[in-house]
N, C-alpha and C. Protein backbone atom coordinates (compact mmCIF):
# COMPACT_ATOMS: atom_id res chain seq x y z
N MET A 1 -84.89 -3.41 56.16
CA MET A 1 -86.22 -3.94 56.44
C MET A 1 -87.16 -2.79 56.81
N SER A 2 -88.35 -2.79 56.26
CA SER A 2 -89.30 -1.71 56.52
C SER A 2 -89.84 -1.80 57.94
N ALA A 3 -90.40 -0.66 58.41
CA ALA A 3 -90.97 -0.62 59.76
C ALA A 3 -92.13 -1.60 59.88
N SER A 4 -92.92 -1.74 58.82
CA SER A 4 -94.05 -2.67 58.84
C SER A 4 -93.59 -4.10 59.06
N SER A 5 -92.52 -4.48 58.35
CA SER A 5 -91.99 -5.84 58.49
C SER A 5 -91.47 -6.08 59.90
N LYS A 6 -90.80 -5.07 60.46
CA LYS A 6 -90.27 -5.20 61.82
C LYS A 6 -91.39 -5.38 62.84
N ILE A 7 -92.47 -4.63 62.65
CA ILE A 7 -93.60 -4.73 63.59
C ILE A 7 -94.25 -6.10 63.49
N VAL A 8 -94.40 -6.61 62.26
CA VAL A 8 -94.98 -7.95 62.08
C VAL A 8 -94.10 -9.00 62.76
N LEU A 9 -92.77 -8.87 62.59
CA LEU A 9 -91.84 -9.80 63.25
C LEU A 9 -91.93 -9.70 64.76
N TYR A 10 -92.06 -8.47 65.27
CA TYR A 10 -92.15 -8.28 66.72
C TYR A 10 -93.43 -8.90 67.27
N ILE A 11 -94.53 -8.73 66.54
CA ILE A 11 -95.80 -9.34 66.98
C ILE A 11 -95.68 -10.86 66.99
N ALA A 12 -95.06 -11.42 65.94
CA ALA A 12 -94.88 -12.88 65.88
C ALA A 12 -93.97 -13.35 67.02
N PHE A 13 -92.91 -12.58 67.28
CA PHE A 13 -92.00 -12.92 68.38
C PHE A 13 -92.72 -12.85 69.72
N SER A 14 -93.55 -11.82 69.91
CA SER A 14 -94.29 -11.66 71.16
C SER A 14 -95.23 -12.84 71.40
N ILE A 15 -95.88 -13.29 70.34
CA ILE A 15 -96.78 -14.45 70.46
C ILE A 15 -95.98 -15.71 70.81
N SER A 16 -94.80 -15.84 70.18
CA SER A 16 -93.98 -17.04 70.43
C SER A 16 -93.47 -17.11 71.86
N LEU A 17 -93.38 -15.96 72.53
CA LEU A 17 -92.91 -15.95 73.92
C LEU A 17 -93.84 -16.74 74.84
N PHE A 18 -95.10 -16.82 74.47
CA PHE A 18 -96.06 -17.55 75.31
C PHE A 18 -95.93 -19.06 75.14
N LEU A 19 -95.03 -19.49 74.24
CA LEU A 19 -94.73 -20.91 74.12
C LEU A 19 -93.66 -21.33 75.12
N VAL A 20 -92.98 -20.34 75.71
CA VAL A 20 -91.95 -20.63 76.72
C VAL A 20 -92.63 -21.11 77.99
N GLU A 21 -92.33 -22.34 78.38
CA GLU A 21 -92.99 -22.92 79.55
C GLU A 21 -92.03 -23.58 80.53
N ASN A 22 -90.83 -23.99 80.08
CA ASN A 22 -89.94 -24.69 81.00
C ASN A 22 -88.83 -23.79 81.51
N THR A 23 -88.23 -24.20 82.62
CA THR A 23 -87.24 -23.38 83.32
C THR A 23 -85.99 -23.13 82.48
N ALA A 24 -85.49 -24.16 81.80
CA ALA A 24 -84.25 -24.01 81.03
C ALA A 24 -84.42 -22.98 79.91
N THR A 25 -85.52 -23.07 79.17
CA THR A 25 -85.77 -22.10 78.10
C THR A 25 -85.93 -20.70 78.66
N ALA A 26 -86.62 -20.59 79.80
CA ALA A 26 -86.81 -19.27 80.43
C ALA A 26 -85.48 -18.66 80.83
N LEU A 27 -84.58 -19.47 81.40
CA LEU A 27 -83.26 -18.97 81.80
C LEU A 27 -82.46 -18.50 80.59
N CYS A 28 -82.53 -19.26 79.50
CA CYS A 28 -81.82 -18.87 78.27
C CYS A 28 -82.36 -17.56 77.72
N LEU A 29 -83.69 -17.43 77.69
CA LEU A 29 -84.32 -16.21 77.18
C LEU A 29 -83.99 -15.02 78.07
N LEU A 30 -84.03 -15.23 79.38
CA LEU A 30 -83.72 -14.16 80.33
C LEU A 30 -82.28 -13.69 80.17
N SER A 31 -81.35 -14.64 80.03
CA SER A 31 -79.94 -14.30 79.86
C SER A 31 -79.71 -13.56 78.54
N LEU A 32 -80.32 -14.06 77.47
CA LEU A 32 -80.17 -13.41 76.16
C LEU A 32 -80.73 -11.99 76.18
N SER A 33 -81.86 -11.81 76.85
CA SER A 33 -82.47 -10.48 76.94
C SER A 33 -81.55 -9.50 77.65
N PHE A 34 -80.93 -9.94 78.75
CA PHE A 34 -80.03 -9.05 79.48
C PHE A 34 -78.78 -8.74 78.66
N VAL A 35 -78.28 -9.72 77.90
CA VAL A 35 -77.13 -9.46 77.02
C VAL A 35 -77.49 -8.39 76.00
N ILE A 36 -78.68 -8.50 75.40
CA ILE A 36 -79.13 -7.51 74.41
C ILE A 36 -79.27 -6.13 75.05
N LEU A 37 -79.85 -6.09 76.25
CA LEU A 37 -80.09 -4.81 76.93
C LEU A 37 -78.79 -4.15 77.39
N LEU A 38 -77.69 -4.90 77.44
CA LEU A 38 -76.41 -4.33 77.85
C LEU A 38 -75.57 -3.87 76.66
N PHE A 39 -76.06 -4.10 75.44
CA PHE A 39 -75.35 -3.61 74.25
C PHE A 39 -75.32 -2.09 74.25
N PRO A 40 -74.25 -1.49 73.67
CA PRO A 40 -74.23 -0.02 73.52
C PRO A 40 -75.43 0.45 72.72
N GLY A 41 -76.06 1.51 73.19
CA GLY A 41 -77.25 2.04 72.54
C GLY A 41 -78.54 1.41 73.02
N MET A 42 -78.42 0.36 73.84
CA MET A 42 -79.60 -0.34 74.34
C MET A 42 -79.74 -0.19 75.85
N ARG A 43 -78.80 0.48 76.49
CA ARG A 43 -78.75 0.49 77.95
C ARG A 43 -79.68 1.51 78.60
N GLY A 44 -80.32 2.35 77.81
CA GLY A 44 -81.21 3.36 78.38
C GLY A 44 -82.32 2.72 79.19
N GLY A 45 -82.49 3.21 80.42
CA GLY A 45 -83.55 2.69 81.28
C GLY A 45 -83.26 1.33 81.88
N ILE A 46 -81.98 0.91 81.89
CA ILE A 46 -81.65 -0.43 82.37
C ILE A 46 -81.99 -0.61 83.84
N ILE A 47 -81.84 0.46 84.65
CA ILE A 47 -82.13 0.34 86.09
C ILE A 47 -83.62 0.13 86.34
N PRO A 48 -84.52 1.00 85.81
CA PRO A 48 -85.95 0.73 86.02
C PRO A 48 -86.41 -0.58 85.39
N ILE A 49 -85.81 -0.97 84.26
CA ILE A 49 -86.16 -2.25 83.64
C ILE A 49 -85.79 -3.41 84.57
N THR A 50 -84.59 -3.32 85.15
CA THR A 50 -84.14 -4.37 86.08
C THR A 50 -85.05 -4.44 87.30
N ILE A 51 -85.40 -3.27 87.85
CA ILE A 51 -86.30 -3.24 89.01
C ILE A 51 -87.65 -3.86 88.66
N PHE A 52 -88.15 -3.54 87.47
CA PHE A 52 -89.44 -4.08 87.03
C PHE A 52 -89.38 -5.59 86.88
N LEU A 53 -88.28 -6.10 86.31
CA LEU A 53 -88.14 -7.54 86.11
C LEU A 53 -87.99 -8.27 87.45
N VAL A 54 -87.22 -7.68 88.37
CA VAL A 54 -87.07 -8.28 89.70
C VAL A 54 -88.42 -8.32 90.42
N THR A 55 -89.19 -7.22 90.28
CA THR A 55 -90.53 -7.18 90.89
C THR A 55 -91.44 -8.24 90.29
N THR A 56 -91.37 -8.40 88.97
CA THR A 56 -92.17 -9.44 88.30
C THR A 56 -91.79 -10.83 88.80
N PHE A 57 -90.48 -11.05 88.94
CA PHE A 57 -89.99 -12.35 89.42
C PHE A 57 -90.46 -12.62 90.84
N LEU A 58 -90.24 -11.66 91.74
CA LEU A 58 -90.60 -11.85 93.15
C LEU A 58 -92.11 -11.96 93.33
N GLY A 59 -92.86 -11.22 92.51
CA GLY A 59 -94.32 -11.25 92.62
C GLY A 59 -94.94 -12.59 92.25
N ASN A 60 -94.16 -13.43 91.56
CA ASN A 60 -94.67 -14.75 91.16
C ASN A 60 -93.93 -15.90 91.85
N LEU A 61 -93.09 -15.57 92.82
CA LEU A 61 -92.21 -16.57 93.42
C LEU A 61 -92.87 -17.34 94.57
N PHE A 62 -94.01 -16.89 95.02
CA PHE A 62 -94.65 -17.52 96.18
C PHE A 62 -96.10 -17.92 95.83
N PHE A 63 -96.71 -18.62 96.78
CA PHE A 63 -98.15 -18.93 96.76
C PHE A 63 -98.56 -19.93 95.69
N TYR A 64 -97.61 -20.73 95.18
CA TYR A 64 -97.97 -21.80 94.25
C TYR A 64 -97.64 -23.14 94.90
N PRO A 65 -98.55 -24.10 94.83
CA PRO A 65 -98.28 -25.41 95.46
C PRO A 65 -97.22 -26.19 94.70
N GLY A 66 -96.63 -27.15 95.37
CA GLY A 66 -95.62 -27.99 94.73
C GLY A 66 -94.54 -28.41 95.71
N ARG A 67 -93.49 -29.00 95.17
CA ARG A 67 -92.37 -29.44 96.01
C ARG A 67 -91.63 -28.23 96.57
N VAL A 68 -91.53 -28.15 97.88
CA VAL A 68 -90.93 -26.99 98.54
C VAL A 68 -89.41 -27.04 98.37
N LEU A 69 -88.86 -25.95 97.82
CA LEU A 69 -87.42 -25.83 97.64
C LEU A 69 -86.77 -25.04 98.77
N MET A 70 -87.51 -24.05 99.28
CA MET A 70 -86.95 -23.18 100.31
C MET A 70 -88.08 -22.53 101.08
N GLN A 71 -87.82 -22.28 102.36
CA GLN A 71 -88.79 -21.58 103.20
C GLN A 71 -88.18 -20.26 103.66
N ILE A 72 -88.95 -19.17 103.48
CA ILE A 72 -88.54 -17.86 103.97
C ILE A 72 -89.63 -17.39 104.91
N GLY A 73 -89.41 -17.64 106.20
CA GLY A 73 -90.44 -17.32 107.18
C GLY A 73 -91.69 -18.14 106.89
N PRO A 74 -92.83 -17.48 106.78
CA PRO A 74 -94.08 -18.20 106.50
C PRO A 74 -94.28 -18.52 105.02
N LEU A 75 -93.37 -18.08 104.16
CA LEU A 75 -93.52 -18.25 102.72
C LEU A 75 -92.71 -19.42 102.21
N ASP A 76 -93.28 -20.15 101.27
CA ASP A 76 -92.60 -21.29 100.65
C ASP A 76 -92.29 -20.98 99.19
N ILE A 77 -91.08 -21.33 98.78
CA ILE A 77 -90.72 -21.28 97.36
C ILE A 77 -90.76 -22.71 96.84
N THR A 78 -91.67 -22.98 95.95
CA THR A 78 -91.82 -24.33 95.40
C THR A 78 -91.20 -24.41 94.01
N ALA A 79 -91.02 -25.63 93.54
CA ALA A 79 -90.48 -25.82 92.19
C ALA A 79 -91.39 -25.19 91.14
N GLU A 80 -92.69 -25.29 91.36
CA GLU A 80 -93.66 -24.71 90.42
C GLU A 80 -93.63 -23.19 90.45
N SER A 81 -93.55 -22.61 91.65
CA SER A 81 -93.52 -21.15 91.75
C SER A 81 -92.24 -20.59 91.14
N LEU A 82 -91.12 -21.30 91.32
CA LEU A 82 -89.86 -20.86 90.71
C LEU A 82 -89.96 -20.90 89.19
N ARG A 83 -90.56 -21.96 88.67
CA ARG A 83 -90.73 -22.07 87.21
C ARG A 83 -91.60 -20.95 86.68
N ILE A 84 -92.73 -20.70 87.34
CA ILE A 84 -93.65 -19.65 86.89
C ILE A 84 -92.99 -18.28 86.96
N ALA A 85 -92.25 -18.02 88.05
CA ALA A 85 -91.57 -16.72 88.20
C ALA A 85 -90.54 -16.51 87.10
N LEU A 86 -89.75 -17.54 86.80
CA LEU A 86 -88.74 -17.43 85.75
C LEU A 86 -89.38 -17.26 84.37
N VAL A 87 -90.42 -18.03 84.10
CA VAL A 87 -91.09 -17.96 82.80
C VAL A 87 -91.70 -16.58 82.57
N ARG A 88 -92.39 -16.05 83.57
CA ARG A 88 -93.04 -14.75 83.39
C ARG A 88 -92.02 -13.61 83.31
N ALA A 89 -90.97 -13.68 84.10
CA ALA A 89 -89.92 -12.66 84.01
C ALA A 89 -89.22 -12.74 82.65
N ALA A 90 -89.01 -13.96 82.15
CA ALA A 90 -88.37 -14.14 80.85
C ALA A 90 -89.24 -13.59 79.73
N ARG A 91 -90.54 -13.83 79.80
CA ARG A 91 -91.45 -13.30 78.77
C ARG A 91 -91.42 -11.78 78.74
N VAL A 92 -91.47 -11.17 79.93
CA VAL A 92 -91.44 -9.70 79.99
C VAL A 92 -90.11 -9.17 79.47
N SER A 93 -89.01 -9.82 79.87
CA SER A 93 -87.69 -9.37 79.40
C SER A 93 -87.58 -9.50 77.89
N GLY A 94 -88.17 -10.57 77.33
CA GLY A 94 -88.16 -10.74 75.89
C GLY A 94 -88.94 -9.65 75.17
N LEU A 95 -90.10 -9.30 75.72
CA LEU A 95 -90.90 -8.21 75.15
C LEU A 95 -90.14 -6.90 75.16
N ILE A 96 -89.46 -6.62 76.28
CA ILE A 96 -88.71 -5.36 76.40
C ILE A 96 -87.53 -5.34 75.45
N ALA A 97 -86.75 -6.44 75.43
CA ALA A 97 -85.59 -6.50 74.54
C ALA A 97 -86.02 -6.41 73.07
N GLY A 98 -87.12 -7.07 72.72
CA GLY A 98 -87.63 -6.99 71.36
C GLY A 98 -88.05 -5.59 70.98
N ALA A 99 -88.71 -4.89 71.92
CA ALA A 99 -89.13 -3.50 71.66
C ALA A 99 -87.91 -2.60 71.49
N LYS A 100 -86.86 -2.86 72.29
CA LYS A 100 -85.63 -2.07 72.16
C LYS A 100 -85.00 -2.28 70.78
N LEU A 101 -84.96 -3.53 70.33
CA LEU A 101 -84.40 -3.81 69.01
C LEU A 101 -85.25 -3.19 67.91
N LEU A 102 -86.57 -3.20 68.10
CA LEU A 102 -87.49 -2.63 67.11
C LEU A 102 -87.24 -1.15 66.91
N THR A 103 -87.00 -0.43 68.01
CA THR A 103 -86.84 1.03 67.93
C THR A 103 -85.38 1.46 67.84
N LEU A 104 -84.44 0.49 67.76
CA LEU A 104 -83.02 0.85 67.71
C LEU A 104 -82.70 1.63 66.44
N LYS A 105 -83.18 1.16 65.30
CA LYS A 105 -82.91 1.81 64.02
C LYS A 105 -84.17 2.41 63.40
N THR A 106 -85.30 2.20 64.04
CA THR A 106 -86.57 2.72 63.52
C THR A 106 -87.12 3.75 64.49
N PRO A 107 -87.29 5.01 64.07
CA PRO A 107 -87.84 6.03 64.98
C PRO A 107 -89.21 5.62 65.51
N VAL A 108 -89.47 5.98 66.76
CA VAL A 108 -90.75 5.63 67.38
C VAL A 108 -91.90 6.25 66.60
N GLU A 109 -91.68 7.46 66.05
CA GLU A 109 -92.74 8.12 65.28
C GLU A 109 -93.13 7.29 64.06
N GLU A 110 -92.12 6.65 63.43
CA GLU A 110 -92.40 5.81 62.27
C GLU A 110 -93.19 4.56 62.68
N VAL A 111 -92.83 4.00 63.82
CA VAL A 111 -93.56 2.84 64.35
C VAL A 111 -95.02 3.21 64.62
N LEU A 112 -95.22 4.38 65.23
CA LEU A 112 -96.58 4.84 65.50
C LEU A 112 -97.36 5.04 64.21
N GLY A 113 -96.68 5.56 63.18
CA GLY A 113 -97.34 5.77 61.89
C GLY A 113 -97.82 4.46 61.28
N VAL A 114 -96.99 3.43 61.37
CA VAL A 114 -97.38 2.11 60.84
C VAL A 114 -98.55 1.54 61.63
N LEU A 115 -98.48 1.65 62.96
CA LEU A 115 -99.58 1.14 63.79
C LEU A 115 -100.87 1.90 63.53
N LYS A 116 -100.74 3.20 63.27
CA LYS A 116 -101.92 4.01 62.98
C LYS A 116 -102.60 3.53 61.70
N ARG A 117 -101.80 3.27 60.66
CA ARG A 117 -102.36 2.77 59.40
C ARG A 117 -103.01 1.40 59.60
N PHE A 118 -102.41 0.60 60.48
CA PHE A 118 -102.93 -0.74 60.73
C PHE A 118 -104.30 -0.69 61.41
N PHE A 119 -104.47 0.27 62.33
CA PHE A 119 -105.71 0.34 63.11
C PHE A 119 -106.74 1.30 62.52
N MET A 120 -106.41 2.01 61.44
CA MET A 120 -107.33 2.99 60.87
C MET A 120 -108.71 2.43 60.51
N PRO A 121 -108.83 1.17 60.06
CA PRO A 121 -110.17 0.64 59.76
C PRO A 121 -111.13 0.71 60.95
N LEU A 122 -110.59 0.77 62.17
CA LEU A 122 -111.45 0.86 63.35
C LEU A 122 -112.18 2.19 63.43
N GLU A 123 -111.71 3.19 62.66
CA GLU A 123 -112.40 4.49 62.61
C GLU A 123 -113.83 4.31 62.09
N LYS A 124 -114.05 3.28 61.28
CA LYS A 124 -115.38 3.06 60.71
C LYS A 124 -116.41 2.71 61.77
N ILE A 125 -115.94 2.17 62.90
CA ILE A 125 -116.87 1.87 63.99
C ILE A 125 -116.71 2.90 65.12
N ARG A 126 -116.23 4.09 64.73
CA ARG A 126 -116.17 5.26 65.61
C ARG A 126 -115.19 5.11 66.77
N ILE A 127 -114.16 4.32 66.59
CA ILE A 127 -113.07 4.29 67.57
C ILE A 127 -112.07 5.37 67.15
N PRO A 128 -111.74 6.34 68.03
CA PRO A 128 -110.91 7.49 67.64
C PRO A 128 -109.43 7.14 67.48
N VAL A 129 -109.12 6.35 66.45
CA VAL A 129 -107.75 5.90 66.23
C VAL A 129 -106.83 7.08 65.94
N ASP A 130 -107.26 7.98 65.04
CA ASP A 130 -106.43 9.12 64.66
C ASP A 130 -106.12 9.99 65.88
N GLU A 131 -107.11 10.25 66.69
CA GLU A 131 -106.92 11.08 67.88
C GLU A 131 -105.97 10.41 68.87
N PHE A 132 -106.10 9.09 69.03
CA PHE A 132 -105.24 8.37 69.96
C PHE A 132 -103.78 8.45 69.55
N PHE A 133 -103.48 8.19 68.27
CA PHE A 133 -102.09 8.18 67.83
C PHE A 133 -101.52 9.59 67.74
N GLU A 134 -102.37 10.58 67.47
CA GLU A 134 -101.90 11.97 67.51
C GLU A 134 -101.48 12.34 68.93
N THR A 135 -102.29 11.94 69.90
CA THR A 135 -101.95 12.21 71.30
C THR A 135 -100.69 11.46 71.70
N ALA A 136 -100.54 10.21 71.25
CA ALA A 136 -99.35 9.43 71.57
C ALA A 136 -98.10 10.08 70.99
N SER A 137 -98.20 10.57 69.75
CA SER A 137 -97.06 11.23 69.11
C SER A 137 -96.67 12.51 69.85
N LEU A 138 -97.67 13.30 70.23
CA LEU A 138 -97.40 14.53 70.96
C LEU A 138 -96.80 14.23 72.33
N THR A 139 -97.27 13.17 72.96
CA THR A 139 -96.73 12.78 74.27
C THR A 139 -95.25 12.45 74.16
N LEU A 140 -94.87 11.73 73.11
CA LEU A 140 -93.47 11.40 72.91
C LEU A 140 -92.62 12.65 72.70
N LYS A 141 -93.19 13.64 72.02
CA LYS A 141 -92.45 14.88 71.80
C LYS A 141 -92.30 15.68 73.10
N LEU A 142 -93.28 15.53 74.01
CA LEU A 142 -93.24 16.28 75.27
C LEU A 142 -92.33 15.65 76.31
N LEU A 143 -92.09 14.35 76.22
CA LEU A 143 -91.33 13.66 77.27
C LEU A 143 -89.94 14.25 77.52
N PRO A 144 -89.14 14.57 76.47
CA PRO A 144 -87.83 15.17 76.76
C PRO A 144 -87.95 16.50 77.51
N GLY A 145 -88.94 17.32 77.13
CA GLY A 145 -89.14 18.60 77.82
C GLY A 145 -89.56 18.40 79.27
N ILE A 146 -90.43 17.42 79.52
CA ILE A 146 -90.85 17.12 80.89
C ILE A 146 -89.66 16.65 81.71
N ARG A 147 -88.84 15.78 81.12
CA ARG A 147 -87.66 15.28 81.83
C ARG A 147 -86.71 16.42 82.18
N ASP A 148 -86.42 17.30 81.20
CA ASP A 148 -85.51 18.41 81.46
C ASP A 148 -86.06 19.36 82.51
N ARG A 149 -87.37 19.63 82.45
CA ARG A 149 -87.98 20.52 83.43
C ARG A 149 -87.95 19.89 84.83
N ALA A 150 -88.16 18.58 84.89
CA ALA A 150 -88.12 17.88 86.18
C ALA A 150 -86.71 17.92 86.78
N LEU A 151 -85.69 17.70 85.95
CA LEU A 151 -84.31 17.76 86.45
C LEU A 151 -83.95 19.16 86.91
N GLU A 152 -84.39 20.16 86.14
CA GLU A 152 -84.12 21.55 86.51
C GLU A 152 -84.79 21.90 87.84
N SER A 153 -86.04 21.49 88.00
CA SER A 153 -86.77 21.77 89.25
C SER A 153 -86.14 21.02 90.42
N TYR A 154 -85.67 19.79 90.17
CA TYR A 154 -85.05 19.00 91.23
C TYR A 154 -83.76 19.66 91.71
N ARG A 155 -82.95 20.11 90.75
CA ARG A 155 -81.69 20.77 91.13
C ARG A 155 -81.96 22.04 91.92
N GLU A 156 -82.95 22.83 91.48
CA GLU A 156 -83.29 24.05 92.22
C GLU A 156 -83.79 23.72 93.62
N GLY A 157 -84.60 22.67 93.73
CA GLY A 157 -85.10 22.27 95.04
C GLY A 157 -84.00 21.82 95.96
N MET A 158 -83.02 21.07 95.44
CA MET A 158 -81.91 20.60 96.26
C MET A 158 -81.00 21.75 96.66
N ASN A 159 -80.87 22.76 95.79
CA ASN A 159 -80.04 23.93 96.13
C ASN A 159 -80.68 24.78 97.22
N ASN A 160 -82.01 24.70 97.31
CA ASN A 160 -82.73 25.53 98.29
C ASN A 160 -82.95 24.82 99.62
N THR A 161 -82.49 23.58 99.73
CA THR A 161 -82.63 22.86 100.99
C THR A 161 -81.28 22.69 101.66
N THR A 162 -81.29 22.66 102.98
CA THR A 162 -80.03 22.54 103.73
C THR A 162 -79.71 21.09 104.05
N LYS A 163 -80.65 20.19 103.78
CA LYS A 163 -80.43 18.77 104.09
C LYS A 163 -80.25 17.99 102.79
N ASN A 164 -79.34 17.01 102.84
CA ASN A 164 -79.05 16.22 101.65
C ASN A 164 -79.38 14.74 101.82
N GLY A 165 -80.14 14.40 102.86
CA GLY A 165 -80.48 13.00 103.10
C GLY A 165 -81.49 12.46 102.12
N PHE A 166 -81.73 11.15 102.22
CA PHE A 166 -82.67 10.47 101.33
C PHE A 166 -84.08 11.03 101.49
N VAL A 167 -84.50 11.26 102.73
CA VAL A 167 -85.84 11.78 103.00
C VAL A 167 -86.02 13.15 102.37
N SER A 168 -84.98 13.99 102.46
CA SER A 168 -85.04 15.33 101.87
C SER A 168 -85.20 15.26 100.35
N LYS A 169 -84.50 14.32 99.73
CA LYS A 169 -84.62 14.15 98.28
C LYS A 169 -86.03 13.73 97.89
N ILE A 170 -86.60 12.82 98.67
CA ILE A 170 -87.98 12.38 98.41
C ILE A 170 -88.94 13.55 98.54
N ARG A 171 -88.74 14.39 99.57
CA ARG A 171 -89.62 15.55 99.77
C ARG A 171 -89.53 16.50 98.59
N VAL A 172 -88.31 16.73 98.09
CA VAL A 172 -88.13 17.61 96.94
C VAL A 172 -88.86 17.05 95.73
N ILE A 173 -88.73 15.75 95.50
CA ILE A 173 -89.39 15.12 94.35
C ILE A 173 -90.90 15.25 94.46
N VAL A 174 -91.44 15.00 95.66
CA VAL A 174 -92.89 15.08 95.87
C VAL A 174 -93.40 16.49 95.65
N THR A 175 -92.66 17.50 96.14
CA THR A 175 -93.12 18.89 96.01
C THR A 175 -93.05 19.39 94.58
N LEU A 176 -92.17 18.84 93.75
CA LEU A 176 -92.09 19.34 92.37
C LEU A 176 -93.05 18.61 91.43
N MET A 177 -93.58 17.46 91.86
CA MET A 177 -94.44 16.68 90.96
C MET A 177 -95.73 17.41 90.62
N LEU A 178 -96.41 17.97 91.62
CA LEU A 178 -97.69 18.62 91.37
C LEU A 178 -97.55 19.84 90.46
N PRO A 179 -96.60 20.78 90.74
CA PRO A 179 -96.44 21.92 89.82
C PRO A 179 -96.10 21.49 88.40
N LEU A 180 -95.28 20.43 88.27
CA LEU A 180 -94.92 19.96 86.93
C LEU A 180 -96.13 19.37 86.21
N MET A 181 -96.97 18.64 86.94
CA MET A 181 -98.19 18.09 86.34
C MET A 181 -99.13 19.20 85.89
N ILE A 182 -99.25 20.25 86.72
CA ILE A 182 -100.12 21.38 86.38
C ILE A 182 -99.60 22.09 85.13
N GLU A 183 -98.27 22.29 85.07
CA GLU A 183 -97.68 22.95 83.90
C GLU A 183 -97.87 22.11 82.64
N THR A 184 -97.73 20.80 82.79
CA THR A 184 -97.91 19.91 81.64
C THR A 184 -99.32 19.99 81.09
N ILE A 185 -100.31 20.11 81.99
CA ILE A 185 -101.71 20.19 81.57
C ILE A 185 -102.06 21.56 81.00
N GLN A 186 -101.58 22.63 81.68
CA GLN A 186 -101.98 23.98 81.30
C GLN A 186 -101.18 24.53 80.12
N SER A 187 -99.88 24.22 80.05
CA SER A 187 -99.04 24.80 78.99
C SER A 187 -98.15 23.74 78.37
N PRO A 188 -98.73 22.72 77.74
CA PRO A 188 -97.90 21.65 77.17
C PRO A 188 -96.97 22.14 76.07
N ALA A 189 -97.39 23.16 75.31
CA ALA A 189 -96.56 23.66 74.21
C ALA A 189 -95.23 24.21 74.71
N GLU A 190 -95.21 24.71 75.96
CA GLU A 190 -93.98 25.27 76.52
C GLU A 190 -92.94 24.19 76.80
N LEU A 191 -93.35 22.94 76.84
CA LEU A 191 -92.44 21.85 77.16
C LEU A 191 -91.85 21.19 75.92
N LEU A 192 -92.29 21.62 74.73
CA LEU A 192 -91.68 21.09 73.51
C LEU A 192 -90.23 21.52 73.45
N PRO A 193 -89.29 20.59 73.27
CA PRO A 193 -87.87 20.93 73.31
C PRO A 193 -87.42 21.89 72.21
N ASP A 194 -88.03 21.79 71.02
CA ASP A 194 -87.64 22.65 69.89
C ASP A 194 -88.88 23.33 69.33
N LYS A 195 -89.40 24.29 70.08
CA LYS A 195 -90.62 24.97 69.64
C LYS A 195 -90.41 25.71 68.32
N GLU A 196 -89.18 26.25 68.15
CA GLU A 196 -88.92 27.02 66.94
C GLU A 196 -88.96 26.13 65.70
N ASP A 197 -88.56 24.84 65.87
CA ASP A 197 -88.51 23.93 64.73
C ASP A 197 -89.76 23.07 64.61
N THR A 198 -90.71 23.27 65.52
CA THR A 198 -91.94 22.47 65.50
C THR A 198 -92.95 23.12 64.56
N PRO A 199 -93.52 22.34 63.64
CA PRO A 199 -94.52 22.91 62.72
C PRO A 199 -95.69 23.52 63.47
N ASP A 200 -96.28 24.58 62.86
CA ASP A 200 -97.41 25.26 63.49
C ASP A 200 -98.58 24.32 63.74
N THR A 201 -98.76 23.34 62.83
CA THR A 201 -99.89 22.42 63.00
C THR A 201 -99.75 21.61 64.29
N GLU A 202 -98.52 21.22 64.62
CA GLU A 202 -98.32 20.44 65.84
C GLU A 202 -98.49 21.32 67.07
N LEU A 203 -98.01 22.57 66.99
CA LEU A 203 -98.20 23.48 68.12
C LEU A 203 -99.68 23.72 68.36
N LYS A 204 -100.44 23.89 67.26
CA LYS A 204 -101.88 24.09 67.41
C LYS A 204 -102.54 22.84 68.00
N ALA A 205 -102.03 21.68 67.62
CA ALA A 205 -102.60 20.43 68.15
C ALA A 205 -102.36 20.33 69.65
N VAL A 206 -101.16 20.71 70.09
CA VAL A 206 -100.86 20.68 71.52
C VAL A 206 -101.75 21.65 72.26
N LYS A 207 -101.90 22.85 71.70
CA LYS A 207 -102.77 23.85 72.34
C LYS A 207 -104.22 23.38 72.33
N GLY A 208 -104.58 22.65 71.26
CA GLY A 208 -105.94 22.13 71.19
C GLY A 208 -106.21 21.12 72.29
N VAL A 209 -105.21 20.28 72.58
CA VAL A 209 -105.34 19.33 73.69
C VAL A 209 -105.50 20.08 74.99
N ASN A 210 -104.72 21.18 75.12
CA ASN A 210 -104.78 22.01 76.33
C ASN A 210 -106.17 22.59 76.52
N HIS A 211 -106.74 23.16 75.46
CA HIS A 211 -108.07 23.75 75.55
C HIS A 211 -109.12 22.69 75.83
N GLY A 212 -108.90 21.49 75.25
CA GLY A 212 -109.86 20.41 75.48
C GLY A 212 -109.90 20.01 76.93
N ILE A 213 -108.73 20.02 77.61
CA ILE A 213 -108.68 19.67 79.03
C ILE A 213 -109.37 20.72 79.85
N LYS A 214 -109.17 21.98 79.52
CA LYS A 214 -109.81 23.06 80.27
C LYS A 214 -111.31 22.98 80.11
């Protein structure tokens, strides 16, 4: 199946998620999404995804009127709030699982290319579609380098500290964030993982973004 067909299917699937309104369907969708996310090759980012879904669920679990199911201090969990929390968490989990399936066999760069062709007519009304997708593509290429540099800086910071507690780890993370952000802005080309294999046009584009920021 072509990338274009997959994107059309994903858009149709995303729209259909808003038809989910009852608790039973939401539970089925939520369970299916977690099963998909636990498949080999799909588990990347499972911890932040889980945290995000739990936050979505808890953020919608209170402050809705209805039959009270449980009281937690001054807060009430009603049948309606439970339904809304499950439905919204299920919709988000479906979007994430669908996106994972979309990019499982299709490179993200190819997906961006299809989306770029889809939105190119907006260039006629002076919306910078080409510039946006070029920046998005370069950002994806920079992410592995940023991650590796962050891990390297974190290890160096932990080696230079005598304390290994949670607070010390947070301090190390906070102190490395600003220098890493500055390096990303000032020298983005240095963070490309394979500079030797990167075409000159892309390197010039990264440097062009750098000069534009300055």
